[in-house]
Amino acid sequence: MAYIGGWLFLSLCALTAGVILWEWTSLVFRRTDPRIFAPGLSALLVATALTGERQAGAAIAMIAIGALLAGGAVAAWPRRYPGSNPVIWGAGGVVYAGIALVTPALLRGDPQLGFVALLFLFAIVWATDILAYLVGRLIGGPLLWPGVSPKKTWAGAIGGLVGGVAAGTAVAYASVGVAPAVAGGLALILSIVAQGGDLFESAVKRRFGAKDAGSLIPGHGGVMDRLDGFIVAALVAVLIGSLHQGMATPARGLLIW
């Protein structure tokens, strides 16, 4: 679907975002309350349509509105949502799902470089995950952040970083001839933030006493568990591309220097 692009890929992004919102609210509040899920999902659907019409600014604004409505719903019935900062957690789920919706869609929206930009991102995230796991299991050693993840090691993090940089550099150079130094620098940043996204989701799960964010994928947890690093890496990739050449062409801004 990433290769086909268009509304088919956008629909996949929307479905993924809806599942992530469901998993987030179920994780944080032990249930998916319609007071939170309904405004959040509505905002995601409208943002999907706006993104498809290349109205990225309006789509982001709609996600912000959905987050405010979800947070407002929690504030209106605070006793239903015990714990610290439930308003922030309620609004945060819409923002997190919105990032999963908009950022890959914005990258893929470039008809010339959108697919390559996604390949570049996927290569970095996948290689980072795979090498971090293999090197961590093989070498072991001191834990990266024991209070958040009991298994991730410094050796694994470094191994994942090397793998992500190598894979990203190879894809960018082979596809559009990006200079290895530039591609390697971008891959380094995105590999680091991908691991940060993994740690962020681990911290959320640890905060709410859960091993997995969901059970949709047998043996692998939920969609959030599979896309935690990708979501944050996609956000940073879009920010880099947009700051370089504007929000209308983030894929070009990411790859062409």
C-alpha atoms as a PDB file:
ATOM      1  CA  MET A   1       0.000   0.000   0.000  1.00  0.00           C
ATOM      2  CA  ALA A   2       2.910   2.358   0.622  1.00  0.00           C
ATOM      3  CA  TYR A   3       3.954   1.813  -3.007  1.00  0.00           C
ATOM      4  CA  ILE A   4       0.456   2.532  -4.339  1.00  0.00           C
ATOM      5  CA  GLY A   5       0.007   5.602  -2.167  1.00  0.00           C
ATOM      6  CA  GLY A   6      -3.002   7.880  -2.621  1.00  0.00           C
ATOM      7  CA  TRP A   7      -6.231   7.326  -0.735  1.00  0.00           C
ATOM      8  CA  LEU A   8      -5.511   3.635  -0.248  1.00  0.00           C
ATOM      9  CA  PHE A   9      -2.383   4.357   1.773  1.00  0.00           C
ATOM     10  CA  LEU A  10      -4.125   7.224   3.547  1.00  0.00           C
ATOM     11  CA  SER A  11      -6.951   4.881   4.534  1.00  0.00           C
ATOM     12  CA  LEU A  12      -4.411   2.463   5.992  1.00  0.00           C
ATOM     13  CA  CYS A  13      -2.895   5.326   7.995  1.00  0.00           C
ATOM     14  CA  ALA A  14      -6.357   6.284   9.256  1.00  0.00           C
ATOM     15  CA  LEU A  15      -7.157   2.710  10.284  1.00  0.00           C
ATOM     16  CA  THR A  16      -3.817   2.423  12.064  1.00  0.00           C
ATOM     17  CA  ALA A  17      -4.382   5.705  13.883  1.00  0.00           C
ATOM     18  CA  GLY A  18      -7.848   4.610  14.997  1.00  0.00           C
ATOM     19  CA  VAL A  19      -6.459   1.364  16.429  1.00  0.00           C
ATOM     20  CA  ILE A  20      -3.667   3.267  18.195  1.00  0.00           C
ATOM     21  CA  LEU A  21      -6.209   5.613  19.790  1.00  0.00           C
ATOM     22  CA  TRP A  22      -8.228   2.600  20.934  1.00  0.00           C
ATOM     23  CA  GLU A  23      -5.136   0.934  22.407  1.00  0.00           C
ATOM     24  CA  TRP A  24      -3.958   4.125  24.096  1.00  0.00           C
ATOM     25  CA  THR A  25      -7.262   4.825  25.831  1.00  0.00           C
ATOM     26  CA  SER A  26      -7.652   1.175  26.832  1.00  0.00           C
ATOM     27  CA  LEU A  27      -4.137   1.185  28.282  1.00  0.00           C
ATOM     28  CA  VAL A  28      -4.381   4.498  30.094  1.00  0.00           C
ATOM     29  CA  PHE A  29      -7.949   4.280  31.392  1.00  0.00           C
ATOM     30  CA  ARG A  30      -8.416   0.470  31.459  1.00  0.00           C
ATOM     31  CA  ARG A  31     -11.308   0.873  29.040  1.00  0.00           C
ATOM     32  CA  THR A  32     -12.173   2.739  25.841  1.00  0.00           C
ATOM     33  CA  ASP A  33     -14.664   5.334  27.014  1.00  0.00           C
ATOM     34  CA  PRO A  34     -16.733   6.833  24.165  1.00  0.00           C
ATOM     35  CA  ARG A  35     -16.441  10.263  25.788  1.00  0.00           C
ATOM     36  CA  ILE A  36     -12.780  10.212  24.817  1.00  0.00           C
ATOM     37  CA  PHE A  37     -12.735   7.881  21.842  1.00  0.00           C
ATOM     38  CA  ALA A  38     -15.609   9.492  19.905  1.00  0.00           C
ATOM     39  CA  PRO A  39     -14.198  13.041  19.653  1.00  0.00           C
ATOM     40  CA  GLY A  40     -10.713  11.683  19.053  1.00  0.00           C
ATOM     41  CA  LEU A  41     -11.813   9.333  16.274  1.00  0.00           C
ATOM     42  CA  SER A  42     -13.983  12.034  14.692  1.00  0.00           C
ATOM     43  CA  ALA A  43     -11.010  14.384  14.615  1.00  0.00           C
ATOM     44  CA  LEU A  44      -8.846  11.691  13.027  1.00  0.00           C
ATOM     45  CA  LEU A  45     -11.408  11.024  10.295  1.00  0.00           C
ATOM     46  CA  VAL A  46     -11.723  14.708   9.433  1.00  0.00           C
ATOM     47  CA  ALA A  47      -7.939  15.057   9.518  1.00  0.00           C
ATOM     48  CA  THR A  48      -7.714  12.121   7.097  1.00  0.00           C
ATOM     49  CA  ALA A  49      -9.930  13.903   4.589  1.00  0.00           C
ATOM     50  CA  LEU A  50      -8.007  17.155   4.994  1.00  0.00           C
ATOM     51  CA  THR A  51      -4.663  15.400   4.554  1.00  0.00           C
ATOM     52  CA  GLY A  52      -5.960  13.757   1.387  1.00  0.00           C
ATOM     53  CA  GLU A  53      -6.822  17.205   0.062  1.00  0.00           C
ATOM     54  CA  ARG A  54      -3.308  18.424   0.932  1.00  0.00           C
ATOM     55  CA  GLN A  55      -4.535  20.640   3.754  1.00  0.00           C
ATOM     56  CA  ALA A  56      -1.868  19.613   6.252  1.00  0.00           C
ATOM     57  CA  GLY A  57      -2.231  22.692   8.439  1.00  0.00           C
ATOM     58  CA  ALA A  58      -5.970  22.195   8.755  1.00  0.00           C
ATOM     59  CA  ALA A  59      -5.468  18.498   9.506  1.00  0.00           C
ATOM     60  CA  ILE A  60      -3.054  19.312  12.327  1.00  0.00           C
ATOM     61  CA  ALA A  61      -5.481  21.897  13.680  1.00  0.00           C
ATOM     62  CA  MET A  62      -8.285  19.315  13.638  1.00  0.00           C
ATOM     63  CA  ILE A  63      -6.168  16.871  15.627  1.00  0.00           C
ATOM     64  CA  ALA A  64      -5.468  19.624  18.150  1.00  0.00           C
ATOM     65  CA  ILE A  65      -9.217  20.267  18.444  1.00  0.00           C
ATOM     66  CA  GLY A  66      -9.855  16.565  18.961  1.00  0.00           C
ATOM     67  CA  ALA A  67      -7.215  16.487  21.707  1.00  0.00           C
ATOM     68  CA  LEU A  68      -8.852  19.455  23.430  1.00  0.00           C
ATOM     69  CA  LEU A  69     -12.280  17.800  23.235  1.00  0.00           C
ATOM     70  CA  ALA A  70     -10.944  14.519  24.596  1.00  0.00           C
ATOM     71  CA  GLY A  71      -9.147  16.310  27.402  1.00  0.00           C
ATOM     72  CA  GLY A  72     -12.271  18.329  28.109  1.00  0.00           C
ATOM     73  CA  ALA A  73     -14.319  15.140  28.358  1.00  0.00           C
ATOM     74  CA  VAL A  74     -11.951  13.828  31.010  1.00  0.00           C
ATOM     75  CA  ALA A  75     -12.070  17.132  32.878  1.00  0.00           C
ATOM     76  CA  ALA A  76     -15.889  17.091  32.835  1.00  0.00           C
ATOM     77  CA  TRP A  77     -16.044  13.661  34.526  1.00  0.00           C
ATOM     78  CA  PRO A  78     -12.813  13.560  36.585  1.00  0.00           C
ATOM     79  CA  ARG A  79     -14.001  10.841  38.967  1.00  0.00           C
ATOM     80  CA  ARG A  80     -14.286   8.376  36.104  1.00  0.00           C
ATOM     81  CA  TYR A  81     -10.576   8.736  35.369  1.00  0.00           C
ATOM     82  CA  PRO A  82      -8.504   8.279  38.525  1.00  0.00           C
ATOM     83  CA  GLY A  83      -4.771   8.831  38.601  1.00  0.00           C
ATOM     84  CA  SER A  84      -2.483  11.776  37.996  1.00  0.00           C
ATOM     85  CA  ASN A  85      -2.982  14.135  35.043  1.00  0.00           C
ATOM     86  CA  PRO A  86      -5.855  12.232  33.370  1.00  0.00           C
ATOM     87  CA  VAL A  87      -6.674  15.253  31.171  1.00  0.00           C
ATOM     88  CA  ILE A  88      -3.181  15.231  29.689  1.00  0.00           C
ATOM     89  CA  TRP A  89      -3.300  11.469  29.128  1.00  0.00           C
ATOM     90  CA  GLY A  90      -6.696  11.740  27.445  1.00  0.00           C
ATOM     91  CA  ALA A  91      -5.599  14.497  25.089  1.00  0.00           C
ATOM     92  CA  GLY A  92      -2.213  12.865  24.525  1.00  0.00           C
ATOM     93  CA  GLY A  93      -3.767   9.783  22.976  1.00  0.00           C
ATOM     94  CA  VAL A  94      -5.367  11.853  20.213  1.00  0.00           C
ATOM     95  CA  VAL A  95      -2.090  13.658  19.535  1.00  0.00           C
ATOM     96  CA  TYR A  96      -0.131  10.372  19.424  1.00  0.00           C
ATOM     97  CA  ALA A  97      -2.638   8.764  17.063  1.00  0.00           C
ATOM     98  CA  GLY A  98      -2.713  11.936  14.985  1.00  0.00           C
ATOM     99  CA  ILE A  99       1.053  11.796  14.508  1.00  0.00           C
ATOM    100  CA  ALA A 100       0.708   8.200  13.318  1.00  0.00           C
ATOM    101  CA  LEU A 101      -1.899   9.372  10.797  1.00  0.00           C
ATOM    102  CA  VAL A 102      -0.480  12.588   9.396  1.00  0.00           C
ATOM    103  CA  THR A 103       3.284  12.147   9.264  1.00  0.00           C
ATOM    104  CA  PRO A 104       3.560   9.064   7.007  1.00  0.00           C
ATOM    105  CA  ALA A 105       0.756  10.446   4.835  1.00  0.00           C
ATOM    106  CA  LEU A 106       2.607  13.750   4.402  1.00  0.00           C
ATOM    107  CA  LEU A 107       5.801  11.948   3.431  1.00  0.00           C
ATOM    108  CA  ARG A 108       4.013   9.676   0.942  1.00  0.00           C
ATOM    109  CA  GLY A 109       2.109  12.621  -0.518  1.00  0.00           C
ATOM    110  CA  ASP A 110       5.122  13.621  -2.614  1.00  0.00           C
ATOM    111  CA  PRO A 111       4.489  11.854  -5.975  1.00  0.00           C
ATOM    112  CA  GLN A 112       8.203  11.666  -6.818  1.00  0.00           C
ATOM    113  CA  LEU A 113      10.012  11.028  -3.542  1.00  0.00           C
ATOM    114  CA  GLY A 114       7.261   9.994  -1.149  1.00  0.00           C
ATOM    115  CA  PHE A 115       7.746   6.252  -1.532  1.00  0.00           C
ATOM    116  CA  VAL A 116      11.538   6.574  -1.310  1.00  0.00           C
ATOM    117  CA  ALA A 117      11.216   8.671   1.857  1.00  0.00           C
ATOM    118  CA  LEU A 118       9.075   5.963   3.449  1.00  0.00           C
ATOM    119  CA  LEU A 119      11.542   3.256   2.377  1.00  0.00           C
ATOM    120  CA  PHE A 120      14.340   5.313   3.916  1.00  0.00           C
ATOM    121  CA  LEU A 121      12.385   5.613   7.159  1.00  0.00           C
ATOM    122  CA  PHE A 122      11.303   1.964   7.257  1.00  0.00           C
ATOM    123  CA  ALA A 123      14.878   0.783   6.607  1.00  0.00           C
ATOM    124  CA  ILE A 124      16.220   2.839   9.498  1.00  0.00           C
ATOM    125  CA  VAL A 125      13.525   1.820  11.988  1.00  0.00           C
ATOM    126  CA  TRP A 126      13.504  -1.874  11.057  1.00  0.00           C
ATOM    127  CA  ALA A 127      17.289  -2.188  11.014  1.00  0.00           C
ATOM    128  CA  THR A 128      17.509  -0.351  14.316  1.00  0.00           C
ATOM    129  CA  ASP A 129      14.963  -2.685  15.929  1.00  0.00           C
ATOM    130  CA  ILE A 130      16.463  -5.877  14.536  1.00  0.00           C
ATOM    131  CA  LEU A 131      20.106  -5.071  15.282  1.00  0.00           C
ATOM    132  CA  ALA A 132      19.277  -3.710  18.738  1.00  0.00           C
ATOM    133  CA  TYR A 133      17.555  -6.984  19.584  1.00  0.00           C
ATOM    134  CA  LEU A 134      20.264  -9.240  18.118  1.00  0.00           C
ATOM    135  CA  VAL A 135      23.240  -7.344  19.535  1.00  0.00           C
ATOM    136  CA  GLY A 136      21.538  -6.937  22.886  1.00  0.00           C
ATOM    137  CA  ARG A 137      20.864 -10.652  23.124  1.00  0.00           C
ATOM    138  CA  LEU A 138      24.347 -11.562  21.924  1.00  0.00           C
ATOM    139  CA  ILE A 139      26.419  -9.175  24.042  1.00  0.00           C
ATOM    140  CA  GLY A 140      24.146  -8.211  26.922  1.00  0.00           C
ATOM    141  CA  GLY A 141      25.804  -5.868  29.408  1.00  0.00           C
ATOM    142  CA  PRO A 142      24.517  -2.800  31.276  1.00  0.00           C
ATOM    143  CA  LEU A 143      20.870  -1.878  30.822  1.00  0.00           C
ATOM    144  CA  LEU A 144      20.046   1.284  28.903  1.00  0.00           C
ATOM    145  CA  TRP A 145      17.273   2.473  31.239  1.00  0.00           C
ATOM    146  CA  PRO A 146      16.401  -0.132  33.878  1.00  0.00           C
ATOM    147  CA  GLY A 147      13.512   1.852  35.319  1.00  0.00           C
ATOM    148  CA  VAL A 148      11.711   1.842  31.972  1.00  0.00           C
ATOM    149  CA  SER A 149      12.855  -1.261  30.101  1.00  0.00           C
ATOM    150  CA  PRO A 150      14.310  -4.315  31.851  1.00  0.00           C
ATOM    151  CA  LYS A 151      15.793  -5.783  28.652  1.00  0.00           C
ATOM    152  CA  LYS A 152      17.230  -2.970  26.513  1.00  0.00           C
ATOM    153  CA  THR A 153      21.004  -2.665  26.837  1.00  0.00           C
ATOM    154  CA  TRP A 154      23.593  -0.094  25.837  1.00  0.00           C
ATOM    155  CA  ALA A 155      25.174  -2.653  23.536  1.00  0.00           C
ATOM    156  CA  GLY A 156      21.854  -3.217  21.820  1.00  0.00           C
ATOM    157  CA  ALA A 157      21.251   0.521  21.457  1.00  0.00           C
ATOM    158  CA  ILE A 158      24.637   1.038  19.838  1.00  0.00           C
ATOM    159  CA  GLY A 159      24.185  -1.995  17.601  1.00  0.00           C
ATOM    160  CA  GLY A 160      20.774  -0.722  16.536  1.00  0.00           C
ATOM    161  CA  LEU A 161      22.267   2.692  15.819  1.00  0.00           C
ATOM    162  CA  VAL A 162      24.942   1.198  13.563  1.00  0.00           C
ATOM    163  CA  GLY A 163      22.372  -0.940  11.767  1.00  0.00           C
ATOM    164  CA  GLY A 164      19.968   1.956  11.274  1.00  0.00           C
ATOM    165  CA  VAL A 165      22.671   4.237   9.884  1.00  0.00           C
ATOM    166  CA  ALA A 166      23.955   1.549   7.508  1.00  0.00           C
ATOM    167  CA  ALA A 167      20.495   0.635   6.211  1.00  0.00           C
ATOM    168  CA  GLY A 168      19.313   4.228   5.835  1.00  0.00           C
ATOM    169  CA  THR A 169      22.496   5.310   4.068  1.00  0.00           C
ATOM    170  CA  ALA A 170      22.292   2.398   1.646  1.00  0.00           C
ATOM    171  CA  VAL A 171      18.638   3.077   0.751  1.00  0.00           C
ATOM    172  CA  ALA A 172      19.092   6.838   0.327  1.00  0.00           C
ATOM    173  CA  TYR A 173      22.237   6.503  -1.781  1.00  0.00           C
ATOM    174  CA  ALA A 174      20.936   3.672  -3.956  1.00  0.00           C
ATOM    175  CA  SER A 175      17.542   5.273  -4.604  1.00  0.00           C
ATOM    176  CA  VAL A 176      18.239   8.976  -5.187  1.00  0.00           C
ATOM    177  CA  GLY A 177      21.992   9.341  -4.791  1.00  0.00           C
ATOM    178  CA  VAL A 178      21.972  11.160  -1.463  1.00  0.00           C
ATOM    179  CA  ALA A 179      25.556  11.802  -0.351  1.00  0.00           C
ATOM    180  CA  PRO A 180      26.543   9.137   2.194  1.00  0.00           C
ATOM    181  CA  ALA A 181      27.579  11.744   4.767  1.00  0.00           C
ATOM    182  CA  VAL A 182      24.186  13.465   4.535  1.00  0.00           C
ATOM    183  CA  ALA A 183      22.210  10.222   4.485  1.00  0.00           C
ATOM    184  CA  GLY A 184      24.244   8.870   7.386  1.00  0.00           C
ATOM    185  CA  GLY A 185      23.671  11.991   9.455  1.00  0.00           C
ATOM    186  CA  LEU A 186      19.922  11.880   8.852  1.00  0.00           C
ATOM    187  CA  ALA A 187      19.814   8.148   9.568  1.00  0.00           C
ATOM    188  CA  LEU A 188      21.739   8.707  12.801  1.00  0.00           C
ATOM    189  CA  ILE A 189      19.182  11.247  14.028  1.00  0.00           C
ATOM    190  CA  LEU A 190      16.212   9.107  13.017  1.00  0.00           C
ATOM    191  CA  SER A 191      17.680   5.946  14.541  1.00  0.00           C
ATOM    192  CA  ILE A 192      18.212   7.738  17.848  1.00  0.00           C
ATOM    193  CA  VAL A 193      14.674   9.128  17.957  1.00  0.00           C
ATOM    194  CA  ALA A 194      13.240   5.752  16.898  1.00  0.00           C
ATOM    195  CA  GLN A 195      14.858   4.201  19.954  1.00  0.00           C
ATOM    196  CA  GLY A 196      13.543   7.119  21.974  1.00  0.00           C
ATOM    197  CA  GLY A 197      10.039   6.367  20.710  1.00  0.00           C
ATOM    198  CA  ASP A 198      10.438   2.757  21.795  1.00  0.00           C
ATOM    199  CA  LEU A 199      11.518   3.874  25.264  1.00  0.00           C
ATOM    200  CA  PHE A 200       8.630   6.351  25.461  1.00  0.00           C
ATOM    201  CA  GLU A 201       6.076   3.636  24.828  1.00  0.00           C
ATOM    202  CA  SER A 202       7.826   1.361  27.315  1.00  0.00           C
ATOM    203  CA  ALA A 203       7.588   4.137  29.891  1.00  0.00           C
ATOM    204  CA  VAL A 204       3.857   4.544  29.224  1.00  0.00           C
ATOM    205  CA  LYS A 205       3.280   0.805  29.602  1.00  0.00           C
ATOM    206  CA  ARG A 206       5.362   0.716  32.777  1.00  0.00           C
ATOM    207  CA  ARG A 207       3.415   3.706  34.123  1.00  0.00           C
ATOM    208  CA  PHE A 208       0.129   1.815  33.731  1.00  0.00           C
ATOM    209  CA  GLY A 209       1.404  -1.644  34.630  1.00  0.00           C
ATOM    210  CA  ALA A 210       1.020  -3.305  31.219  1.00  0.00           C
ATOM    211  CA  LYS A 211       3.366  -5.607  29.329  1.00  0.00           C
ATOM    212  CA  ASP A 212       1.859  -4.807  25.919  1.00  0.00           C
ATOM    213  CA  ALA A 213      -0.244  -1.950  24.611  1.00  0.00           C
ATOM    214  CA  GLY A 214      -2.701  -4.382  23.022  1.00  0.00           C
ATOM    215  CA  SER A 215      -3.205  -7.926  21.818  1.00  0.00           C
ATOM    216  CA  LEU A 216      -4.210  -7.406  18.203  1.00  0.00           C
ATOM    217  CA  ILE A 217      -1.039  -9.064  16.854  1.00  0.00           C
ATOM    218  CA  PRO A 218      -0.637 -12.520  18.447  1.00  0.00           C
ATOM    219  CA  GLY A 219       2.739 -12.858  20.095  1.00  0.00           C
ATOM    220  CA  HIS A 220       3.707  -9.260  19.303  1.00  0.00           C
ATOM    221  CA  GLY A 221       1.296  -7.144  21.348  1.00  0.00           C
ATOM    222  CA  GLY A 222      -0.620  -4.317  19.755  1.00  0.00           C
ATOM    223  CA  VAL A 223      -0.149  -1.869  16.899  1.00  0.00           C
ATOM    224  CA  MET A 224       1.457   0.641  19.264  1.00  0.00           C
ATOM    225  CA  ASP A 225       4.040  -1.965  20.208  1.00  0.00           C
ATOM    226  CA  ARG A 226       5.018  -2.449  16.560  1.00  0.00           C
ATOM    227  CA  LEU A 227       5.034   1.219  15.530  1.00  0.00           C
ATOM    228  CA  ASP A 228       6.357   3.014  18.617  1.00  0.00           C
ATOM    229  CA  GLY A 229       9.740   3.827  17.083  1.00  0.00           C
ATOM    230  CA  PHE A 230       8.321   4.533  13.632  1.00  0.00           C
ATOM    231  CA  ILE A 231       5.800   7.085  14.932  1.00  0.00           C
ATOM    232  CA  VAL A 232       8.434   9.302  16.535  1.00  0.00           C
ATOM    233  CA  ALA A 233      10.909   8.837  13.680  1.00  0.00           C
ATOM    234  CA  ALA A 234       8.232   9.797  11.137  1.00  0.00           C
ATOM    235  CA  LEU A 235       7.435  12.943  13.130  1.00  0.00           C
ATOM    236  CA  VAL A 236      11.072  14.018  13.209  1.00  0.00           C
ATOM    237  CA  ALA A 237      11.516  13.162   9.512  1.00  0.00           C
ATOM    238  CA  VAL A 238       8.582  15.401   8.590  1.00  0.00           C
ATOM    239  CA  LEU A 239       9.879  18.190  10.820  1.00  0.00           C
ATOM    240  CA  ILE A 240      13.316  18.010   9.180  1.00  0.00           C
ATOM    241  CA  GLY A 241      11.859  17.949   5.682  1.00  0.00           C
ATOM    242  CA  SER A 242       9.382  20.741   6.407  1.00  0.00           C
ATOM    243  CA  LEU A 243      11.977  23.008   7.995  1.00  0.00           C
ATOM    244  CA  HIS A 244      14.254  22.431   5.013  1.00  0.00           C
ATOM    245  CA  GLN A 245      11.843  22.864   2.097  1.00  0.00           C
ATOM    246  CA  GLY A 246       8.375  23.540   3.533  1.00  0.00           C
ATOM    247  CA  MET A 247       5.421  21.446   4.711  1.00  0.00           C
ATOM    248  CA  ALA A 248       4.190  20.942   1.131  1.00  0.00           C
ATOM    249  CA  THR A 249       7.228  18.790   0.245  1.00  0.00           C
ATOM    250  CA  PRO A 250       8.630  17.143   3.386  1.00  0.00           C
ATOM    251  CA  ALA A 251       9.891  14.076   1.505  1.00  0.00           C
ATOM    252  CA  ARG A 252      11.955  16.233  -0.853  1.00  0.00           C
ATOM    253  CA  GLY A 253      13.164  18.333   2.038  1.00  0.00           C
ATOM    254  CA  LEU A 254      14.237  15.193   3.868  1.00  0.00           C
ATOM    255  CA  LEU A 255      16.195  13.633   0.990  1.00  0.00           C
ATOM    256  CA  ILE A 256      17.405  16.450  -1.294  1.00  0.00           C
ATOM    257  CA  TRP A 257      20.166  18.651   0.146  1.00  0.00           C
END
